[in-house]
PDB file of N, CA and C in Angstrom:
ATOM      1  N   MET A   1     -12.581  20.465  42.893  1.00  0.00           N
ATOM      2  CA  MET A   1     -12.337  19.177  42.136  1.00  0.00           C
ATOM      3  C   MET A   1     -13.008  19.711  41.034  1.00  0.00           C
ATOM      4  N   HIS A   2     -12.577  19.508  39.411  1.00  0.00           N
ATOM      5  CA  HIS A   2     -13.591  19.674  38.205  1.00  0.00           C
ATOM      6  C   HIS A   2     -14.317  19.061  37.667  1.00  0.00           C
ATOM      7  N   GLN A   3     -15.295  19.632  37.277  1.00  0.00           N
ATOM      8  CA  GLN A   3     -16.716  18.387  37.041  1.00  0.00           C
ATOM      9  C   GLN A   3     -16.969  18.906  35.490  1.00  0.00           C
ATOM     10  N   ILE A   4     -17.618  18.327  35.029  1.00  0.00           N
ATOM     11  CA  ILE A   4     -18.743  18.289  33.661  1.00  0.00           C
ATOM     12  C   ILE A   4     -19.830  17.658  33.792  1.00  0.00           C
ATOM     13  N   THR A   5     -20.344  18.503  33.377  1.00  0.00           N
ATOM     14  CA  THR A   5     -22.046  17.963  33.261  1.00  0.00           C
ATOM     15  C   THR A   5     -22.451  17.768  31.846  1.00  0.00           C
ATOM     16  N   PHE A   6     -22.848  16.934  31.291  1.00  0.00           N
ATOM     17  CA  PHE A   6     -23.203  16.544  30.107  1.00  0.00           C
ATOM     18  C   PHE A   6     -24.678  15.804  29.740  1.00  0.00           C
ATOM     19  N   ALA A   7     -25.836  15.930  29.162  1.00  0.00           N
ATOM     20  CA  ALA A   7     -26.899  15.283  29.245  1.00  0.00           C
ATOM     21  C   ALA A   7     -27.303  15.192  30.685  1.00  0.00           C
ATOM     22  N   GLY A   8     -27.268  15.861  31.334  1.00  0.00           N
ATOM     23  CA  GLY A   8     -27.931  15.443  32.627  1.00  0.00           C
ATOM     24  C   GLY A   8     -27.239  14.725  34.054  1.00  0.00           C
ATOM     25  N   ARG A   9     -26.281  14.649  33.416  1.00  0.00           N
ATOM     26  CA  ARG A   9     -24.864  13.508  34.229  1.00  0.00           C
ATOM     27  C   ARG A   9     -23.523  14.399  34.403  1.00  0.00           C
ATOM     28  N   THR A  10     -23.161  14.386  35.666  1.00  0.00           N
ATOM     29  CA  THR A  10     -22.178  15.231  36.105  1.00  0.00           C
ATOM     30  C   THR A  10     -20.829  14.523  36.128  1.00  0.00           C
ATOM     31  N   LEU A  11     -19.986  14.379  35.802  1.00  0.00           N
ATOM     32  CA  LEU A  11     -18.517  13.462  35.879  1.00  0.00           C
ATOM     33  C   LEU A  11     -17.232  14.810  36.869  1.00  0.00           C
ATOM     34  N   ARG A  12     -16.963  13.512  37.610  1.00  0.00           N
ATOM     35  CA  ARG A  12     -16.185  14.417  38.519  1.00  0.00           C
ATOM     36  C   ARG A  12     -14.785  14.109  37.975  1.00  0.00           C
ATOM     37  N   LEU A  13     -13.914  15.411  37.958  1.00  0.00           N
ATOM     38  CA  LEU A  13     -12.698  15.175  37.211  1.00  0.00           C
ATOM     39  C   LEU A  13     -10.929  15.929  37.932  1.00  0.00           C
ATOM     40  N   PRO A  14     -10.193  15.101  38.086  1.00  0.00           N
ATOM     41  CA  PRO A  14      -9.237  15.651  38.778  1.00  0.00           C
ATOM     42  C   PRO A  14      -8.357  17.226  38.709  1.00  0.00           C
ATOM     43  N   ARG A  15      -8.135  17.672  39.180  1.00  0.00           N
ATOM     44  CA  ARG A  15      -7.410  19.018  39.354  1.00  0.00           C
ATOM     45  C   ARG A  15      -6.772  19.213  38.392  1.00  0.00           C
ATOM     46  N   SER A  16      -5.804  18.354  38.655  1.00  0.00           N
ATOM     47  CA  SER A  16      -4.859  18.867  37.718  1.00  0.00           C
ATOM     48  C   SER A  16      -4.942  18.677  36.629  1.00  0.00           C
ATOM     49  N   ARG A  17      -4.641  19.515  35.377  1.00  0.00           N
ATOM     50  CA  ARG A  17      -4.712  19.567  33.828  1.00  0.00           C
ATOM     51  C   ARG A  17      -4.200  18.615  33.243  1.00  0.00           C
ATOM     52  N   TRP A  18      -2.695  18.017  33.755  1.00  0.00           N
ATOM     53  CA  TRP A  18      -1.583  17.282  32.891  1.00  0.00           C
ATOM     54  C   TRP A  18      -2.445  15.695  33.301  1.00  0.00           C
ATOM     55  N   VAL A  19      -2.892  15.792  34.336  1.00  0.00           N
ATOM     56  CA  VAL A  19      -3.903  14.527  34.780  1.00  0.00           C
ATOM     57  C   VAL A  19      -4.833  14.338  33.762  1.00  0.00           C
ATOM     58  N   ARG A  20      -5.464  15.102  33.640  1.00  0.00           N
ATOM     59  CA  ARG A  20      -7.056  15.049  33.005  1.00  0.00           C
ATOM     60  C   ARG A  20      -6.704  14.858  31.394  1.00  0.00           C
ATOM     61  N   THR A  21      -5.469  15.895  30.867  1.00  0.00           N
ATOM     62  CA  THR A  21      -5.125  15.672  29.350  1.00  0.00           C
ATOM     63  C   THR A  21      -5.036  14.245  29.437  1.00  0.00           C
ATOM     64  N   THR A  22      -4.003  13.631  30.028  1.00  0.00           N
ATOM     65  CA  THR A  22      -3.167  12.118  29.890  1.00  0.00           C
ATOM     66  C   THR A  22      -4.468  11.346  29.931  1.00  0.00           C
ATOM     67  N   ILE A  23      -5.329  11.174  30.847  1.00  0.00           N
ATOM     68  CA  ILE A  23      -6.969  10.609  30.892  1.00  0.00           C
ATOM     69  C   ILE A  23      -7.498  10.232  29.858  1.00  0.00           C
ATOM     70  N   GLY A  24      -7.870  11.825  29.079  1.00  0.00           N
ATOM     71  CA  GLY A  24      -8.850  11.735  28.272  1.00  0.00           C
ATOM     72  C   GLY A  24      -7.884  11.370  26.741  1.00  0.00           C
ATOM     73  N   ALA A  25      -6.588  11.844  26.527  1.00  0.00           N
ATOM     74  CA  ALA A  25      -5.748  11.397  25.053  1.00  0.00           C
ATOM     75  C   ALA A  25      -5.595   9.679  25.165  1.00  0.00           C
ATOM     76  N   VAL A  26      -5.081   9.164  26.734  1.00  0.00           N
ATOM     77  CA  VAL A  26      -5.653   7.817  26.614  1.00  0.00           C
ATOM     78  C   VAL A  26      -6.461   6.791  26.276  1.00  0.00           C
ATOM     79  N   LEU A  27      -7.956   7.775  26.749  1.00  0.00           N
ATOM     80  CA  LEU A  27      -9.193   7.041  26.480  1.00  0.00           C
ATOM     81  C   LEU A  27      -9.242   7.408  25.049  1.00  0.00           C
ATOM     82  N   VAL A  28      -9.000   7.612  24.307  1.00  0.00           N
ATOM     83  CA  VAL A  28      -9.098   8.122  22.882  1.00  0.00           C
ATOM     84  C   VAL A  28      -8.302   7.510  21.592  1.00  0.00           C
ATOM     85  N   ILE A  29      -7.118   7.611  22.434  1.00  0.00           N
ATOM     86  CA  ILE A  29      -6.358   6.423  21.373  1.00  0.00           C
ATOM     87  C   ILE A  29      -6.785   4.840  21.519  1.00  0.00           C
ATOM     88  N   LEU A  30      -6.906   4.347  23.031  1.00  0.00           N
ATOM     89  CA  LEU A  30      -7.302   3.158  23.379  1.00  0.00           C
ATOM     90  C   LEU A  30      -8.770   2.737  22.909  1.00  0.00           C
ATOM     91  N   GLY A  31      -9.621   4.091  23.221  1.00  0.00           N
ATOM     92  CA  GLY A  31     -10.671   4.035  22.189  1.00  0.00           C
ATOM     93  C   GLY A  31     -10.853   3.253  20.297  1.00  0.00           C
ATOM     94  N   PHE A  32      -9.855   3.143  19.916  1.00  0.00           N
ATOM     95  CA  PHE A  32      -9.728   3.307  18.850  1.00  0.00           C
ATOM     96  C   PHE A  32      -9.666   1.967  18.954  1.00  0.00           C
ATOM     97  N   LEU A  33      -9.119   0.899  19.580  1.00  0.00           N
ATOM     98  CA  LEU A  33      -8.853  -0.387  19.678  1.00  0.00           C
ATOM     99  C   LEU A  33      -9.894  -1.014  20.032  1.00  0.00           C
ATOM    100  N   GLY A  34     -11.176  -0.604  20.265  1.00  0.00           N
ATOM    101  CA  GLY A  34     -12.221  -0.707  20.727  1.00  0.00           C
ATOM    102  C   GLY A  34     -12.938  -2.032  19.510  1.00  0.00           C
ATOM    103  N   PHE A  35     -12.209  -2.654  18.636  1.00  0.00           N
ATOM    104  CA  PHE A  35     -12.158  -3.936  18.476  1.00  0.00           C
ATOM    105  C   PHE A  35     -11.774  -5.036  19.122  1.00  0.00           C
ATOM    106  N   LEU A  36     -11.308  -4.500  19.789  1.00  0.00           N
ATOM    107  CA  LEU A  36     -10.517  -5.711  20.859  1.00  0.00           C
ATOM    108  C   LEU A  36     -11.346  -5.948  22.048  1.00  0.00           C
ATOM    109  N   PRO A  37     -11.529  -7.693  22.898  1.00  0.00           N
ATOM    110  CA  PRO A  37     -12.193  -7.456  23.849  1.00  0.00           C
ATOM    111  C   PRO A  37     -12.873  -6.592  24.774  1.00  0.00           C
ATOM    112  N   ILE A  38     -11.494  -5.911  25.646  1.00  0.00           N
ATOM    113  CA  ILE A  38     -11.647  -5.772  26.714  1.00  0.00           C
ATOM    114  C   ILE A  38     -11.785  -3.760  26.452  1.00  0.00           C
ATOM    115  N   LEU A  39     -11.475  -3.498  25.430  1.00  0.00           N
ATOM    116  CA  LEU A  39     -11.730  -2.056  25.052  1.00  0.00           C
ATOM    117  C   LEU A  39     -12.721  -1.615  24.347  1.00  0.00           C
ATOM    118  N   GLY A  40     -13.202  -0.891  24.332  1.00  0.00           N
ATOM    119  CA  GLY A  40     -14.600  -0.242  23.707  1.00  0.00           C
ATOM    120  C   GLY A  40     -14.684   1.241  22.912  1.00  0.00           C
ATOM    121  N   PHE A  41     -15.006   1.112  21.841  1.00  0.00           N
ATOM    122  CA  PHE A  41     -15.458   2.113  21.416  1.00  0.00           C
ATOM    123  C   PHE A  41     -15.951   3.502  22.057  1.00  0.00           C
ATOM    124  N   TRP A  42     -16.565   3.014  23.448  1.00  0.00           N
ATOM    125  CA  TRP A  42     -17.184   4.491  23.486  1.00  0.00           C
ATOM    126  C   TRP A  42     -16.165   4.674  24.437  1.00  0.00           C
ATOM    127  N   MET A  43     -14.831   4.581  24.824  1.00  0.00           N
ATOM    128  CA  MET A  43     -13.529   5.701  25.223  1.00  0.00           C
ATOM    129  C   MET A  43     -13.469   6.630  24.538  1.00  0.00           C
ATOM    130  N   ILE A  44     -13.938   6.599  23.184  1.00  0.00           N
ATOM    131  CA  ILE A  44     -13.881   7.852  22.077  1.00  0.00           C
ATOM    132  C   ILE A  44     -14.725   9.431  22.969  1.00  0.00           C
ATOM    133  N   PRO A  45     -15.457   8.625  22.687  1.00  0.00           N
ATOM    134  CA  PRO A  45     -16.573  10.410  23.188  1.00  0.00           C
ATOM    135  C   PRO A  45     -16.324  10.354  24.936  1.00  0.00           C
ATOM    136  N   LEU A  46     -16.039   9.179  25.552  1.00  0.00           N
ATOM    137  CA  LEU A  46     -15.301   9.758  26.987  1.00  0.00           C
ATOM    138  C   LEU A  46     -14.180  10.350  27.630  1.00  0.00           C
ATOM    139  N   GLY A  47     -13.197   9.921  26.523  1.00  0.00           N
ATOM    140  CA  GLY A  47     -12.137  10.240  26.474  1.00  0.00           C
ATOM    141  C   GLY A  47     -12.023  12.055  25.491  1.00  0.00           C
ATOM    142  N   LEU A  48     -12.799  12.566  24.797  1.00  0.00           N
ATOM    143  CA  LEU A  48     -13.539  13.522  24.182  1.00  0.00           C
ATOM    144  C   LEU A  48     -14.421  14.771  24.798  1.00  0.00           C
ATOM    145  N   LEU A  49     -14.506  14.292  26.117  1.00  0.00           N
ATOM    146  CA  LEU A  49     -15.438  14.826  27.016  1.00  0.00           C
ATOM    147  C   LEU A  49     -14.850  15.220  28.157  1.00  0.00           C
ATOM    148  N   ILE A  50     -13.758  14.569  28.496  1.00  0.00           N
ATOM    149  CA  ILE A  50     -12.771  14.579  29.271  1.00  0.00           C
ATOM    150  C   ILE A  50     -11.857  16.048  29.113  1.00  0.00           C
ATOM    151  N   LEU A  51     -11.158  15.940  28.086  1.00  0.00           N
ATOM    152  CA  LEU A  51     -10.627  16.513  26.939  1.00  0.00           C
ATOM    153  C   LEU A  51     -11.090  18.030  26.820  1.00  0.00           C
ATOM    154  N   SER A  52     -12.503  18.027  26.680  1.00  0.00           N
ATOM    155  CA  SER A  52     -13.113  19.684  26.891  1.00  0.00           C
ATOM    156  C   SER A  52     -12.998  20.153  27.852  1.00  0.00           C
ATOM    157  N   VAL A  53     -12.374  19.555  28.844  1.00  0.00           N
ATOM    158  CA  VAL A  53     -12.294  20.546  29.844  1.00  0.00           C
ATOM    159  C   VAL A  53     -10.834  21.662  29.568  1.00  0.00           C
ATOM    160  N   ASP A  54      -9.907  20.913  28.611  1.00  0.00           N
ATOM    161  CA  ASP A  54      -9.067  21.596  28.792  1.00  0.00           C
ATOM    162  C   ASP A  54      -8.561  22.630  27.428  1.00  0.00           C
ATOM    163  N   ILE A  55      -9.431  21.579  25.755  1.00  0.00           N
ATOM    164  CA  ILE A  55      -8.932  21.985  24.514  1.00  0.00           C
ATOM    165  C   ILE A  55     -10.116  22.948  24.081  1.00  0.00           C
ATOM    166  N   ALA A  56     -10.002  23.896  24.098  1.00  0.00           N
ATOM    167  CA  ALA A  56     -10.864  24.879  23.359  1.00  0.00           C
ATOM    168  C   ALA A  56     -12.090  23.802  21.922  1.00  0.00           C
ATOM    169  N   LEU A  57     -11.203  24.101  21.157  1.00  0.00           N
ATOM    170  CA  LEU A  57     -12.074  23.384  19.951  1.00  0.00           C
ATOM    171  C   LEU A  57     -12.689  22.455  20.791  1.00  0.00           C
ATOM    172  N   VAL A  58     -12.331  21.280  21.498  1.00  0.00           N
ATOM    173  CA  VAL A  58     -13.645  20.048  21.874  1.00  0.00           C
ATOM    174  C   VAL A  58     -14.543  20.536  22.676  1.00  0.00           C
ATOM    175  N   ARG A  59     -14.188  21.566  23.274  1.00  0.00           N
ATOM    176  CA  ARG A  59     -15.235  22.452  24.191  1.00  0.00           C
ATOM    177  C   ARG A  59     -16.485  22.858  23.136  1.00  0.00           C
ATOM    178  N   ARG A  60     -16.086  23.267  22.507  1.00  0.00           N
ATOM    179  CA  ARG A  60     -16.999  24.158  21.469  1.00  0.00           C
ATOM    180  C   ARG A  60     -18.150  22.965  21.053  1.00  0.00           C
ATOM    181  N   LEU A  61     -17.084  21.819  20.176  1.00  0.00           N
ATOM    182  CA  LEU A  61     -17.977  20.382  19.694  1.00  0.00           C
ATOM    183  C   LEU A  61     -18.907  20.292  20.702  1.00  0.00           C
ATOM    184  N   ARG A  62     -18.319  20.261  22.364  1.00  0.00           N
ATOM    185  CA  ARG A  62     -18.756  19.322  23.038  1.00  0.00           C
ATOM    186  C   ARG A  62     -20.551  20.229  23.344  1.00  0.00           C
ATOM    187  N   ARG A  63     -20.147  21.429  23.432  1.00  0.00           N
ATOM    188  CA  ARG A  63     -21.185  22.898  23.409  1.00  0.00           C
ATOM    189  C   ARG A  63     -22.366  22.698  22.493  1.00  0.00           C
ATOM    190  N   LEU A  64     -21.608  22.248  21.272  1.00  0.00           N
ATOM    191  CA  LEU A  64     -22.617  22.281  19.829  1.00  0.00           C
ATOM    192  C   LEU A  64     -23.350  21.110  20.293  1.00  0.00           C
ATOM    193  N   ALA A  65     -22.712  19.938  20.684  1.00  0.00           N
ATOM    194  CA  ALA A  65     -23.647  18.696  20.607  1.00  0.00           C
ATOM    195  C   ALA A  65     -24.949  18.471  21.854  1.00  0.00           C
ATOM    196  N   THR A  66     -24.178  19.393  22.396  1.00  0.00           N
ATOM    197  CA  THR A  66     -25.200  19.681  24.039  1.00  0.00           C
ATOM    198  C   THR A  66     -26.562  20.349  23.338  1.00  0.00           C
ATOM    199  N   VAL A  67     -26.282  21.715  22.545  1.00  0.00           N
ATOM    200  CA  VAL A  67     -27.412  22.382  22.073  1.00  0.00           C
ATOM    201  C   VAL A  67     -28.134  21.490  21.324  1.00  0.00           C
ATOM    202  N   ARG A  68     -27.537  20.709  20.186  1.00  0.00           N
ATOM    203  CA  ARG A  68     -28.364  19.946  19.490  1.00  0.00           C
ATOM    204  C   ARG A  68     -29.075  18.796  20.066  1.00  0.00           C
ATOM    205  N   LEU A  69     -28.466  17.968  20.817  1.00  0.00           N
ATOM    206  CA  LEU A  69     -29.215  17.159  21.308  1.00  0.00           C
ATOM    207  C   LEU A  69     -30.347  17.659  22.717  1.00  0.00           C
ATOM    208  N   GLY A  70     -30.285  19.006  22.957  1.00  0.00           N
ATOM    209  CA  GLY A  70     -31.285  19.222  23.338  1.00  0.00           C
ATOM    210  C   GLY A  70     -32.639  19.561  22.828  1.00  0.00           C
ATOM    211  N   ALA A  71     -32.019  20.534  21.617  1.00  0.00           N
ATOM    212  CA  ALA A  71     -32.985  20.539  20.621  1.00  0.00           C
ATOM    213  C   ALA A  71     -34.262  19.176  19.968  1.00  0.00           C
ATOM    214  N   HIS A  72     -33.486  18.268  19.669  1.00  0.00           N
ATOM    215  CA  HIS A  72     -33.490  17.488  19.472  1.00  0.00           C
ATOM    216  C   HIS A  72     -34.723  16.840  20.432  1.00  0.00           C
ATOM    217  N   LEU A  73     -34.170  16.792  21.209  1.00  0.00           N
ATOM    218  CA  LEU A  73     -34.932  15.734  22.612  1.00  0.00           C
ATOM    219  C   LEU A  73     -35.833  16.757  22.652  1.00  0.00           C
ATOM    220  N   ARG A  74     -35.929  17.604  23.041  1.00  0.00           N
ATOM    221  CA  ARG A  74     -37.205  18.594  22.917  1.00  0.00           C
ATOM    222  C   ARG A  74     -38.609  18.600  21.782  1.00  0.00           C
ATOM    223  N   ARG A  75     -38.169  18.243  20.418  1.00  0.00           N
ATOM    224  CA  ARG A  75     -38.787  18.347  19.808  1.00  0.00           C
ATOM    225  C   ARG A  75     -39.331  16.972  19.465  1.00  0.00           C
ATOM    226  N   ARG A  76     -38.431  15.585  19.991  1.00  0.00           N
ATOM    227  CA  ARG A  76     -39.216  14.247  19.730  1.00  0.00           C
ATOM    228  C   ARG A  76     -39.336  13.920  21.204  1.00  0.00           C
ATOM    229  N   ALA A  77     -39.238  14.094  22.566  1.00  0.00           N
ATOM    230  CA  ALA A  77     -39.148  13.430  23.420  1.00  0.00           C
ATOM    231  C   ALA A  77     -39.299  14.461  24.559  1.00  0.00           C
ATOM    232  N   PRO A  78     -40.136  15.207  24.590  1.00  0.00           N
ATOM    233  CA  PRO A  78     -39.788  16.266  25.601  1.00  0.00           C
ATOM    234  C   PRO A  78     -39.772  15.490  27.061  1.00  0.00           C
ATOM    235  N   ARG A  79     -40.579  14.507  27.192  1.00  0.00           N
ATOM    236  CA  ARG A  79     -40.889  13.832  28.979  1.00  0.00           C
ATOM    237  C   ARG A  79     -39.706  13.808  28.889  1.00  0.00           C
ATOM    238  N   LEU A  80     -38.274  12.862  28.279  1.00  0.00           N
ATOM    239  CA  LEU A  80     -36.937  12.903  28.333  1.00  0.00           C
ATOM    240  C   LEU A  80     -36.193  14.101  28.455  1.00  0.00           C
ATOM    241  N   ALA A  81     -36.553  15.187  27.727  1.00  0.00           N
ATOM    242  CA  ALA A  81     -35.730  16.408  27.349  1.00  0.00           C
ATOM    243  C   ALA A  81     -35.715  16.890  29.279  1.00  0.00           C
ATOM    244  N   ARG A  82     -37.224  16.680  29.810  1.00  0.00           N
ATOM    245  CA  ARG A  82     -37.343  17.442  30.826  1.00  0.00           C
ATOM    246  C   ARG A  82     -36.652  16.724  32.280  1.00  0.00           C
ATOM    247  N   MET A  83     -36.360  14.949  32.309  1.00  0.00           N
ATOM    248  CA  MET A  83     -35.863  14.484  33.132  1.00  0.00           C
ATOM    249  C   MET A  83     -34.186  14.689  33.074  1.00  0.00           C
ATOM    250  N   LEU A  84     -33.948  14.754  31.593  1.00  0.00           N
ATOM    251  CA  LEU A  84     -31.969  15.610  31.863  1.00  0.00           C
ATOM    252  C   LEU A  84     -32.496  16.989  31.685  1.00  0.00           C
ATOM    253  N   GLY A  85     -32.992  17.453  32.130  1.00  0.00           N
ATOM    254  CA  GLY A  85     -32.673  18.983  32.588  1.00  0.00           C
ATOM    255  C   GLY A  85     -32.617  19.960  31.061  1.00  0.00           C
ATOM    256  N   TYR A  86     -32.699  19.050  29.823  1.00  0.00           N
ATOM    257  CA  TYR A  86     -33.385  20.980  28.706  1.00  0.00           C
ATOM    258  C   TYR A  86     -34.780  20.645  29.241  1.00  0.00           C
ATOM    259  N   THR A  87     -34.882  22.096  29.705  1.00  0.00           N
ATOM    260  CA  THR A  87     -36.021  23.161  29.731  1.00  0.00           C
ATOM    261  C   THR A  87     -37.155  22.731  28.384  1.00  0.00           C
ATOM    262  N   VAL A  88     -38.320  22.585  28.570  1.00  0.00           N
ATOM    263  CA  VAL A  88     -39.298  22.730  27.455  1.00  0.00           C
ATOM    264  C   VAL A  88     -40.116  23.389  27.416  1.00  0.00           C
ATOM    265  N   ALA A  89     -40.008  25.030  26.134  1.00  0.00           N
ATOM    266  CA  ALA A  89     -40.238  26.058  26.552  1.00  0.00           C
ATOM    267  C   ALA A  89     -41.484  25.829  25.863  1.00  0.00           C
TER     268      ALA A  89
END
């Protein structure tokens, strides 16, 4: 089982690349319909997070976001940074 960790949370993913890609793409596409009652804009980042396992460009963006989030939290909220697994130097 593949898994991805972001901001201290672990998300388990299916083994099949096609299933992961399909789930990620569907979440991103439906996320653009976030103004509808059941769907939401939260689906876009979740879909991109799932796609980052298989697509190098999205993976680079996720890693950059993780580094920037960690640096920001270490500066602004060191206690929260420690709780989320970003070590404070």
